[in-house]
mmCIF file of all heavy atoms, coordinates in Angstrom:
data_MODEL
# 
_entry.id   MODEL 
# 
loop_
_atom_site.group_PDB 
_atom_site.id 
_atom_site.type_symbol 
_atom_site.label_atom_id 
_atom_site.label_alt_id 
_atom_site.label_comp_id 
_atom_site.label_asym_id 
_atom_site.label_entity_id 
_atom_site.label_seq_id 
_atom_site.pdbx_PDB_ins_code 
_atom_site.Cartn_x 
_atom_site.Cartn_y 
_atom_site.Cartn_z 
_atom_site.occupancy 
_atom_site.B_iso_or_equiv 
_atom_site.pdbx_formal_charge 
_atom_site.auth_seq_id 
_atom_site.auth_comp_id 
_atom_site.auth_asym_id 
_atom_site.auth_atom_id 
_atom_site.pdbx_PDB_model_num 
ATOM 1   N N   . TRP A 1 1  ? 0.794  -1.241  -0.015  1.00 0.00 ? 1  TRP A N   1 
ATOM 2   C CA  . TRP A 1 1  ? 0.003  0.005   -0.001  1.00 0.00 ? 1  TRP A CA  1 
ATOM 3   C C   . TRP A 1 1  ? 0.855  1.263   -0.013  1.00 0.00 ? 1  TRP A C   1 
ATOM 4   O O   . TRP A 1 1  ? 0.601  2.149   -0.840  1.00 0.00 ? 1  TRP A O   1 
ATOM 5   C CB  . TRP A 1 1  ? -0.959 -0.042  1.200   1.00 0.00 ? 1  TRP A CB  1 
ATOM 6   C CG  . TRP A 1 1  ? -2.180 -0.920  0.990   1.00 0.00 ? 1  TRP A CG  1 
ATOM 7   C CD1 . TRP A 1 1  ? -2.669 -1.287  -0.222  1.00 0.00 ? 1  TRP A CD1 1 
ATOM 8   C CD2 . TRP A 1 1  ? -2.974 -1.508  2.006   1.00 0.00 ? 1  TRP A CD2 1 
ATOM 9   N NE1 . TRP A 1 1  ? -3.791 -2.081  -0.037  1.00 0.00 ? 1  TRP A NE1 1 
ATOM 10  C CE2 . TRP A 1 1  ? -3.981 -2.244  1.320   1.00 0.00 ? 1  TRP A CE2 1 
ATOM 11  C CE3 . TRP A 1 1  ? -2.975 -1.470  3.388   1.00 0.00 ? 1  TRP A CE3 1 
ATOM 12  C CZ2 . TRP A 1 1  ? -4.967 -2.972  2.052   1.00 0.00 ? 1  TRP A CZ2 1 
ATOM 13  C CZ3 . TRP A 1 1  ? -3.922 -2.174  4.088   1.00 0.00 ? 1  TRP A CZ3 1 
ATOM 14  C CH2 . TRP A 1 1  ? -4.931 -2.893  3.445   1.00 0.00 ? 1  TRP A CH2 1 
ATOM 15  N N   . PRO A 1 2  ? 1.805  1.453   0.916   1.00 0.00 ? 2  PRO A N   1 
ATOM 16  C CA  . PRO A 1 2  ? 2.643  2.624   0.896   1.00 0.00 ? 2  PRO A CA  1 
ATOM 17  C C   . PRO A 1 2  ? 3.421  2.826   -0.362  1.00 0.00 ? 2  PRO A C   1 
ATOM 18  O O   . PRO A 1 2  ? 3.525  3.933   -0.878  1.00 0.00 ? 2  PRO A O   1 
ATOM 19  C CB  . PRO A 1 2  ? 3.476  2.527   2.122   1.00 0.00 ? 2  PRO A CB  1 
ATOM 20  C CG  . PRO A 1 2  ? 2.855  1.510   2.997   1.00 0.00 ? 2  PRO A CG  1 
ATOM 21  C CD  . PRO A 1 2  ? 2.159  0.542   2.084   1.00 0.00 ? 2  PRO A CD  1 
ATOM 22  N N   . LEU A 1 3  ? 4.009  1.697   -0.858  1.00 0.00 ? 3  LEU A N   1 
ATOM 23  C CA  . LEU A 1 3  ? 4.868  1.812   -2.099  1.00 0.00 ? 3  LEU A CA  1 
ATOM 24  C C   . LEU A 1 3  ? 4.031  2.175   -3.330  1.00 0.00 ? 3  LEU A C   1 
ATOM 25  O O   . LEU A 1 3  ? 4.376  3.053   -4.097  1.00 0.00 ? 3  LEU A O   1 
ATOM 26  C CB  . LEU A 1 3  ? 5.574  0.479   -2.283  1.00 0.00 ? 3  LEU A CB  1 
ATOM 27  C CG  . LEU A 1 3  ? 6.587  0.450   -3.424  1.00 0.00 ? 3  LEU A CG  1 
ATOM 28  C CD1 . LEU A 1 3  ? 7.641  1.563   -3.236  1.00 0.00 ? 3  LEU A CD1 1 
ATOM 29  C CD2 . LEU A 1 3  ? 7.247  -0.903  -3.481  1.00 0.00 ? 3  LEU A CD2 1 
ATOM 30  N N   . THR A 1 4  ? 2.868  1.536   -3.487  1.00 0.00 ? 4  THR A N   1 
ATOM 31  C CA  . THR A 1 4  ? 1.965  1.865   -4.583  1.00 0.00 ? 4  THR A CA  1 
ATOM 32  C C   . THR A 1 4  ? 1.542  3.337   -4.455  1.00 0.00 ? 4  THR A C   1 
ATOM 33  O O   . THR A 1 4  ? 1.481  4.081   -5.468  1.00 0.00 ? 4  THR A O   1 
ATOM 34  C CB  . THR A 1 4  ? 0.761  0.915   -4.651  1.00 0.00 ? 4  THR A CB  1 
ATOM 35  O OG1 . THR A 1 4  ? 1.232  -0.433  -4.770  1.00 0.00 ? 4  THR A OG1 1 
ATOM 36  C CG2 . THR A 1 4  ? -0.134 1.262   -5.826  1.00 0.00 ? 4  THR A CG2 1 
ATOM 37  N N   . SER A 1 5  ? 1.094  3.727   -3.281  1.00 0.00 ? 5  SER A N   1 
ATOM 38  C CA  . SER A 1 5  ? 0.639  5.086   -3.035  1.00 0.00 ? 5  SER A CA  1 
ATOM 39  C C   . SER A 1 5  ? 1.705  6.118   -3.375  1.00 0.00 ? 5  SER A C   1 
ATOM 40  O O   . SER A 1 5  ? 1.475  7.131   -3.954  1.00 0.00 ? 5  SER A O   1 
ATOM 41  C CB  . SER A 1 5  ? 0.197  5.297   -1.595  1.00 0.00 ? 5  SER A CB  1 
ATOM 42  O OG  . SER A 1 5  ? -0.871 4.426   -1.293  1.00 0.00 ? 5  SER A OG  1 
ATOM 43  N N   . ALA A 1 6  ? 3.004  5.849   -2.962  1.00 0.00 ? 6  ALA A N   1 
ATOM 44  C CA  . ALA A 1 6  ? 4.101  6.727   -3.218  1.00 0.00 ? 6  ALA A CA  1 
ATOM 45  C C   . ALA A 1 6  ? 4.316  6.871   -4.743  1.00 0.00 ? 6  ALA A C   1 
ATOM 46  O O   . ALA A 1 6  ? 4.547  8.026   -5.250  1.00 0.00 ? 6  ALA A O   1 
ATOM 47  C CB  . ALA A 1 6  ? 5.341  6.230   -2.568  1.00 0.00 ? 6  ALA A CB  1 
ATOM 48  N N   . VAL A 1 7  ? 4.276  5.801   -5.455  1.00 0.00 ? 7  VAL A N   1 
ATOM 49  C CA  . VAL A 1 7  ? 4.497  5.878   -6.945  1.00 0.00 ? 7  VAL A CA  1 
ATOM 50  C C   . VAL A 1 7  ? 3.326  6.612   -7.636  1.00 0.00 ? 7  VAL A C   1 
ATOM 51  O O   . VAL A 1 7  ? 3.570  7.432   -8.466  1.00 0.00 ? 7  VAL A O   1 
ATOM 52  C CB  . VAL A 1 7  ? 4.666  4.443   -7.508  1.00 0.00 ? 7  VAL A CB  1 
ATOM 53  C CG1 . VAL A 1 7  ? 4.755  4.519   -9.069  1.00 0.00 ? 7  VAL A CG1 1 
ATOM 54  C CG2 . VAL A 1 7  ? 5.924  3.757   -6.954  1.00 0.00 ? 7  VAL A CG2 1 
ATOM 55  N N   . VAL A 1 8  ? 2.118  6.352   -7.158  1.00 0.00 ? 8  VAL A N   1 
ATOM 56  C CA  . VAL A 1 8  ? 0.981  7.056   -7.732  1.00 0.00 ? 8  VAL A CA  1 
ATOM 57  C C   . VAL A 1 8  ? 1.071  8.554   -7.472  1.00 0.00 ? 8  VAL A C   1 
ATOM 58  O O   . VAL A 1 8  ? 0.768  9.352   -8.375  1.00 0.00 ? 8  VAL A O   1 
ATOM 59  C CB  . VAL A 1 8  ? -0.340 6.488   -7.188  1.00 0.00 ? 8  VAL A CB  1 
ATOM 60  C CG1 . VAL A 1 8  ? -1.563 7.366   -7.605  1.00 0.00 ? 8  VAL A CG1 1 
ATOM 61  C CG2 . VAL A 1 8  ? -0.610 5.085   -7.640  1.00 0.00 ? 8  VAL A CG2 1 
ATOM 62  N N   . ALA A 1 9  ? 1.482  8.920   -6.262  1.00 0.00 ? 9  ALA A N   1 
ATOM 63  C CA  . ALA A 1 9  ? 1.580  10.338  -5.903  1.00 0.00 ? 9  ALA A CA  1 
ATOM 64  C C   . ALA A 1 9  ? 2.740  11.006  -6.662  1.00 0.00 ? 9  ALA A C   1 
ATOM 65  O O   . ALA A 1 9  ? 2.619  12.168  -7.121  1.00 0.00 ? 9  ALA A O   1 
ATOM 66  C CB  . ALA A 1 9  ? 1.858  10.493  -4.405  1.00 0.00 ? 9  ALA A CB  1 
ATOM 67  N N   . ALA A 1 10 ? 3.842  10.267  -6.892  1.00 0.00 ? 10 ALA A N   1 
ATOM 68  C CA  . ALA A 1 10 ? 4.983  10.836  -7.595  1.00 0.00 ? 10 ALA A CA  1 
ATOM 69  C C   . ALA A 1 10 ? 4.816  10.857  -9.135  1.00 0.00 ? 10 ALA A C   1 
ATOM 70  O O   . ALA A 1 10 ? 5.365  11.724  -9.763  1.00 0.00 ? 10 ALA A O   1 
ATOM 71  C CB  . ALA A 1 10 ? 6.240  10.078  -7.238  1.00 0.00 ? 10 ALA A CB  1 
ATOM 72  N N   . SER A 1 11 ? 4.043  9.920   -9.593  1.00 0.00 ? 11 SER A N   1 
ATOM 73  C CA  . SER A 1 11 ? 3.850  9.835   -11.057 1.00 0.00 ? 11 SER A CA  1 
ATOM 74  C C   . SER A 1 11 ? 2.338  9.633   -11.408 1.00 0.00 ? 11 SER A C   1 
ATOM 75  O O   . SER A 1 11 ? 1.589  10.579  -11.423 1.00 0.00 ? 11 SER A O   1 
ATOM 76  C CB  . SER A 1 11 ? 4.686  8.722   -11.608 1.00 0.00 ? 11 SER A CB  1 
ATOM 77  O OG  . SER A 1 11 ? 4.582  8.605   -13.010 1.00 0.00 ? 11 SER A OG  1 
ATOM 78  N N   . ASP A 1 12 ? 1.960  8.402   -11.593 1.00 0.00 ? 12 ASP A N   1 
ATOM 79  C CA  . ASP A 1 12 ? 0.546  8.026   -11.868 1.00 0.00 ? 12 ASP A CA  1 
ATOM 80  C C   . ASP A 1 12 ? 0.341  6.581   -11.644 1.00 0.00 ? 12 ASP A C   1 
ATOM 81  O O   . ASP A 1 12 ? 1.277  5.832   -11.382 1.00 0.00 ? 12 ASP A O   1 
ATOM 82  C CB  . ASP A 1 12 ? 0.117  8.484   -13.315 1.00 0.00 ? 12 ASP A CB  1 
ATOM 83  C CG  . ASP A 1 12 ? 1.086  7.944   -14.355 1.00 0.00 ? 12 ASP A CG  1 
ATOM 84  O OD1 . ASP A 1 12 ? 1.707  6.870   -14.089 1.00 0.00 ? 12 ASP A OD1 1 
ATOM 85  O OD2 . ASP A 1 12 ? 1.213  8.564   -15.420 1.00 0.00 ? 12 ASP A OD2 1 
ATOM 86  N N   . TRP A 1 13 ? -0.943 6.138   -11.732 1.00 0.00 ? 13 TRP A N   1 
ATOM 87  C CA  . TRP A 1 13 ? -1.267 4.737   -11.475 1.00 0.00 ? 13 TRP A CA  1 
ATOM 88  C C   . TRP A 1 13 ? -0.714 3.774   -12.493 1.00 0.00 ? 13 TRP A C   1 
ATOM 89  O O   . TRP A 1 13 ? -0.326 2.639   -12.161 1.00 0.00 ? 13 TRP A O   1 
ATOM 90  C CB  . TRP A 1 13 ? -2.716 4.528   -11.250 1.00 0.00 ? 13 TRP A CB  1 
ATOM 91  C CG  . TRP A 1 13 ? -3.608 4.782   -12.419 1.00 0.00 ? 13 TRP A CG  1 
ATOM 92  C CD1 . TRP A 1 13 ? -4.231 5.968   -12.776 1.00 0.00 ? 13 TRP A CD1 1 
ATOM 93  C CD2 . TRP A 1 13 ? -3.960 3.845   -13.429 1.00 0.00 ? 13 TRP A CD2 1 
ATOM 94  N NE1 . TRP A 1 13 ? -4.935 5.824   -13.914 1.00 0.00 ? 13 TRP A NE1 1 
ATOM 95  C CE2 . TRP A 1 13 ? -4.803 4.505   -14.339 1.00 0.00 ? 13 TRP A CE2 1 
ATOM 96  C CE3 . TRP A 1 13 ? -3.649 2.495   -13.644 1.00 0.00 ? 13 TRP A CE3 1 
ATOM 97  C CZ2 . TRP A 1 13 ? -5.342 3.872   -15.489 1.00 0.00 ? 13 TRP A CZ2 1 
ATOM 98  C CZ3 . TRP A 1 13 ? -4.168 1.870   -14.797 1.00 0.00 ? 13 TRP A CZ3 1 
ATOM 99  C CH2 . TRP A 1 13 ? -5.042 2.576   -15.640 1.00 0.00 ? 13 TRP A CH2 1 
ATOM 100 N N   . PRO A 1 14 ? -0.649 4.154   -13.777 1.00 0.00 ? 14 PRO A N   1 
ATOM 101 C CA  . PRO A 1 14 ? -0.028 3.223   -14.746 1.00 0.00 ? 14 PRO A CA  1 
ATOM 102 C C   . PRO A 1 14 ? 1.423  2.967   -14.417 1.00 0.00 ? 14 PRO A C   1 
ATOM 103 O O   . PRO A 1 14 ? 1.931  1.812   -14.593 1.00 0.00 ? 14 PRO A O   1 
ATOM 104 C CB  . PRO A 1 14 ? -0.143 3.899   -16.094 1.00 0.00 ? 14 PRO A CB  1 
ATOM 105 C CG  . PRO A 1 14 ? -1.376 4.789   -15.929 1.00 0.00 ? 14 PRO A CG  1 
ATOM 106 C CD  . PRO A 1 14 ? -1.239 5.303   -14.554 1.00 0.00 ? 14 PRO A CD  1 
ATOM 107 N N   . THR A 1 15 ? 2.108  3.935   -13.938 1.00 0.00 ? 15 THR A N   1 
ATOM 108 C CA  . THR A 1 15 ? 3.542  3.738   -13.530 1.00 0.00 ? 15 THR A CA  1 
ATOM 109 C C   . THR A 1 15 ? 3.667  2.726   -12.398 1.00 0.00 ? 15 THR A C   1 
ATOM 110 O O   . THR A 1 15 ? 4.563  1.939   -12.327 1.00 0.00 ? 15 THR A O   1 
ATOM 111 C CB  . THR A 1 15 ? 4.211  5.100   -13.163 1.00 0.00 ? 15 THR A CB  1 
ATOM 112 O OG1 . THR A 1 15 ? 4.108  6.014   -14.245 1.00 0.00 ? 15 THR A OG1 1 
ATOM 113 C CG2 . THR A 1 15 ? 5.650  4.892   -12.806 1.00 0.00 ? 15 THR A CG2 1 
ATOM 114 N N   . ALA A 1 16 ? 2.697  2.814   -11.465 1.00 0.00 ? 16 ALA A N   1 
ATOM 115 C CA  . ALA A 1 16 ? 2.690  1.865   -10.334 1.00 0.00 ? 16 ALA A CA  1 
ATOM 116 C C   . ALA A 1 16 ? 2.502  0.428   -10.899 1.00 0.00 ? 16 ALA A C   1 
ATOM 117 O O   . ALA A 1 16 ? 3.189  -0.505  -10.401 1.00 0.00 ? 16 ALA A O   1 
ATOM 118 C CB  . ALA A 1 16 ? 1.600  2.226   -9.356  1.00 0.00 ? 16 ALA A CB  1 
ATOM 119 N N   . CYS A 1 17 ? 1.601  0.281   -11.830 1.00 0.00 ? 17 CYS A N   1 
ATOM 120 C CA  . CYS A 1 17 ? 1.431  -1.038  -12.422 1.00 0.00 ? 17 CYS A CA  1 
ATOM 121 C C   . CYS A 1 17 ? 2.693  -1.501  -13.127 1.00 0.00 ? 17 CYS A C   1 
ATOM 122 O O   . CYS A 1 17 ? 3.070  -2.691  -13.010 1.00 0.00 ? 17 CYS A O   1 
ATOM 123 C CB  . CYS A 1 17 ? 0.269  -0.989  -13.447 1.00 0.00 ? 17 CYS A CB  1 
ATOM 124 S SG  . CYS A 1 17 ? -1.345 -0.677  -12.726 1.00 0.00 ? 17 CYS A SG  1 
ATOM 125 N N   . LEU A 1 18 ? 3.386  -0.651  -13.829 1.00 0.00 ? 18 LEU A N   1 
ATOM 126 C CA  . LEU A 1 18 ? 4.658  -0.986  -14.499 1.00 0.00 ? 18 LEU A CA  1 
ATOM 127 C C   . LEU A 1 18 ? 5.705  -1.349  -13.477 1.00 0.00 ? 18 LEU A C   1 
ATOM 128 O O   . LEU A 1 18 ? 6.513  -2.258  -13.713 1.00 0.00 ? 18 LEU A O   1 
ATOM 129 C CB  . LEU A 1 18 ? 5.131  0.168   -15.366 1.00 0.00 ? 18 LEU A CB  1 
ATOM 130 C CG  . LEU A 1 18 ? 4.176  0.522   -16.558 1.00 0.00 ? 18 LEU A CG  1 
ATOM 131 C CD1 . LEU A 1 18 ? 4.727  1.728   -17.317 1.00 0.00 ? 18 LEU A CD1 1 
ATOM 132 C CD2 . LEU A 1 18 ? 4.025  -0.695  -17.525 1.00 0.00 ? 18 LEU A CD2 1 
ATOM 133 N N   . MET A 1 19 ? 5.711  -0.664  -12.329 1.00 0.00 ? 19 MET A N   1 
ATOM 134 C CA  . MET A 1 19 ? 6.687  -0.981  -11.266 1.00 0.00 ? 19 MET A CA  1 
ATOM 135 C C   . MET A 1 19 ? 6.527  -2.426  -10.768 1.00 0.00 ? 19 MET A C   1 
ATOM 136 O O   . MET A 1 19 ? 7.455  -3.144  -10.660 1.00 0.00 ? 19 MET A O   1 
ATOM 137 C CB  . MET A 1 19 ? 6.524  -0.029  -10.106 1.00 0.00 ? 19 MET A CB  1 
ATOM 138 C CG  . MET A 1 19 ? 7.401  -0.373  -8.916  1.00 0.00 ? 19 MET A CG  1 
ATOM 139 S SD  . MET A 1 19 ? 6.871  0.428   -7.412  1.00 0.00 ? 19 MET A SD  1 
ATOM 140 C CE  . MET A 1 19 ? 5.239  -0.384  -7.075  1.00 0.00 ? 19 MET A CE  1 
ATOM 141 N N   . TRP A 1 20 ? 5.274  -2.835  -10.524 1.00 0.00 ? 20 TRP A N   1 
ATOM 142 C CA  . TRP A 1 20 ? 4.977  -4.150  -10.050 1.00 0.00 ? 20 TRP A CA  1 
ATOM 143 C C   . TRP A 1 20 ? 5.264  -5.185  -11.127 1.00 0.00 ? 20 TRP A C   1 
ATOM 144 O O   . TRP A 1 20 ? 5.712  -6.299  -10.816 1.00 0.00 ? 20 TRP A O   1 
ATOM 145 C CB  . TRP A 1 20 ? 3.585  -4.259  -9.537  1.00 0.00 ? 20 TRP A CB  1 
ATOM 146 C CG  . TRP A 1 20 ? 3.363  -3.537  -8.179  1.00 0.00 ? 20 TRP A CG  1 
ATOM 147 C CD1 . TRP A 1 20 ? 2.472  -2.534  -7.963  1.00 0.00 ? 20 TRP A CD1 1 
ATOM 148 C CD2 . TRP A 1 20 ? 4.007  -3.870  -6.996  1.00 0.00 ? 20 TRP A CD2 1 
ATOM 149 N NE1 . TRP A 1 20 ? 2.623  -2.116  -6.588  1.00 0.00 ? 20 TRP A NE1 1 
ATOM 150 C CE2 . TRP A 1 20 ? 3.509  -2.912  -6.026  1.00 0.00 ? 20 TRP A CE2 1 
ATOM 151 C CE3 . TRP A 1 20 ? 4.945  -4.798  -6.556  1.00 0.00 ? 20 TRP A CE3 1 
ATOM 152 C CZ2 . TRP A 1 20 ? 3.967  -2.956  -4.695  1.00 0.00 ? 20 TRP A CZ2 1 
ATOM 153 C CZ3 . TRP A 1 20 ? 5.391  -4.770  -5.259  1.00 0.00 ? 20 TRP A CZ3 1 
ATOM 154 C CH2 . TRP A 1 20 ? 4.884  -3.866  -4.338  1.00 0.00 ? 20 TRP A CH2 1 
ATOM 155 N N   . ALA A 1 21 ? 4.996  -4.859  -12.399 1.00 0.00 ? 21 ALA A N   1 
ATOM 156 C CA  . ALA A 1 21 ? 5.363  -5.763  -13.455 1.00 0.00 ? 21 ALA A CA  1 
ATOM 157 C C   . ALA A 1 21 ? 6.840  -5.997  -13.479 1.00 0.00 ? 21 ALA A C   1 
ATOM 158 O O   . ALA A 1 21 ? 7.333  -7.175  -13.670 1.00 0.00 ? 21 ALA A O   1 
ATOM 159 C CB  . ALA A 1 21 ? 4.857  -5.199  -14.783 1.00 0.00 ? 21 ALA A CB  1 
ATOM 160 N N   . ALA A 1 22 ? 7.623  -4.998  -13.355 1.00 0.00 ? 22 ALA A N   1 
ATOM 161 C CA  . ALA A 1 22 ? 9.071  -5.135  -13.282 1.00 0.00 ? 22 ALA A CA  1 
ATOM 162 C C   . ALA A 1 22 ? 9.549  -5.983  -12.110 1.00 0.00 ? 22 ALA A C   1 
ATOM 163 O O   . ALA A 1 22 ? 10.482 -6.758  -12.190 1.00 0.00 ? 22 ALA A O   1 
ATOM 164 C CB  . ALA A 1 22 ? 9.768  -3.760  -13.232 1.00 0.00 ? 22 ALA A CB  1 
ATOM 165 N N   . ALA A 1 23 ? 8.849  -5.814  -10.954 1.00 0.00 ? 23 ALA A N   1 
ATOM 166 C CA  . ALA A 1 23 ? 9.187  -6.583  -9.757  1.00 0.00 ? 23 ALA A CA  1 
ATOM 167 C C   . ALA A 1 23 ? 8.973  -8.067  -10.022 1.00 0.00 ? 23 ALA A C   1 
ATOM 168 O O   . ALA A 1 23 ? 9.768  -8.940  -9.572  1.00 0.00 ? 23 ALA A O   1 
ATOM 169 C CB  . ALA A 1 23 ? 8.403  -6.088  -8.542  1.00 0.00 ? 23 ALA A CB  1 
ATOM 170 N N   . HIS A 1 24 ? 7.863  -8.396  -10.701 1.00 0.00 ? 24 HIS A N   1 
ATOM 171 C CA  . HIS A 1 24 ? 7.624  -9.787  -11.027 1.00 0.00 ? 24 HIS A CA  1 
ATOM 172 C C   . HIS A 1 24 ? 8.683  -10.343 -11.924 1.00 0.00 ? 24 HIS A C   1 
ATOM 173 O O   . HIS A 1 24 ? 9.186  -11.465 -11.746 1.00 0.00 ? 24 HIS A O   1 
ATOM 174 C CB  . HIS A 1 24 ? 6.242  -9.947  -11.704 1.00 0.00 ? 24 HIS A CB  1 
ATOM 175 C CG  . HIS A 1 24 ? 5.130  -10.043 -10.785 1.00 0.00 ? 24 HIS A CG  1 
ATOM 176 N ND1 . HIS A 1 24 ? 4.806  -11.141 -10.080 1.00 0.00 ? 24 HIS A ND1 1 
ATOM 177 C CD2 . HIS A 1 24 ? 4.185  -9.073  -10.425 1.00 0.00 ? 24 HIS A CD2 1 
ATOM 178 C CE1 . HIS A 1 24 ? 3.711  -10.916 -9.309  1.00 0.00 ? 24 HIS A CE1 1 
ATOM 179 N NE2 . HIS A 1 24 ? 3.336  -9.698  -9.498  1.00 0.00 ? 24 HIS A NE2 1 
ATOM 180 N N   . LEU A 1 25 ? 9.089  -9.547  -12.952 1.00 0.00 ? 25 LEU A N   1 
ATOM 181 C CA  . LEU A 1 25 ? 10.028 -10.055 -13.942 1.00 0.00 ? 25 LEU A CA  1 
ATOM 182 C C   . LEU A 1 25 ? 11.444 -10.158 -13.385 1.00 0.00 ? 25 LEU A C   1 
ATOM 183 O O   . LEU A 1 25 ? 12.158 -11.154 -13.683 1.00 0.00 ? 25 LEU A O   1 
ATOM 184 C CB  . LEU A 1 25 ? 9.992  -9.083  -15.145 1.00 0.00 ? 25 LEU A CB  1 
ATOM 185 C CG  . LEU A 1 25 ? 10.731 -9.533  -16.387 1.00 0.00 ? 25 LEU A CG  1 
ATOM 186 C CD1 . LEU A 1 25 ? 10.137 -10.807 -16.960 1.00 0.00 ? 25 LEU A CD1 1 
ATOM 187 C CD2 . LEU A 1 25 ? 10.702 -8.447  -17.452 1.00 0.00 ? 25 LEU A CD2 1 
# 
């Protein structure tokens, strides 16, 4: 929750999705 919220606040929600996709990969 805090990490996703921080990325959304700093950029946007698609960037948060891309961050988690990178974490999986």
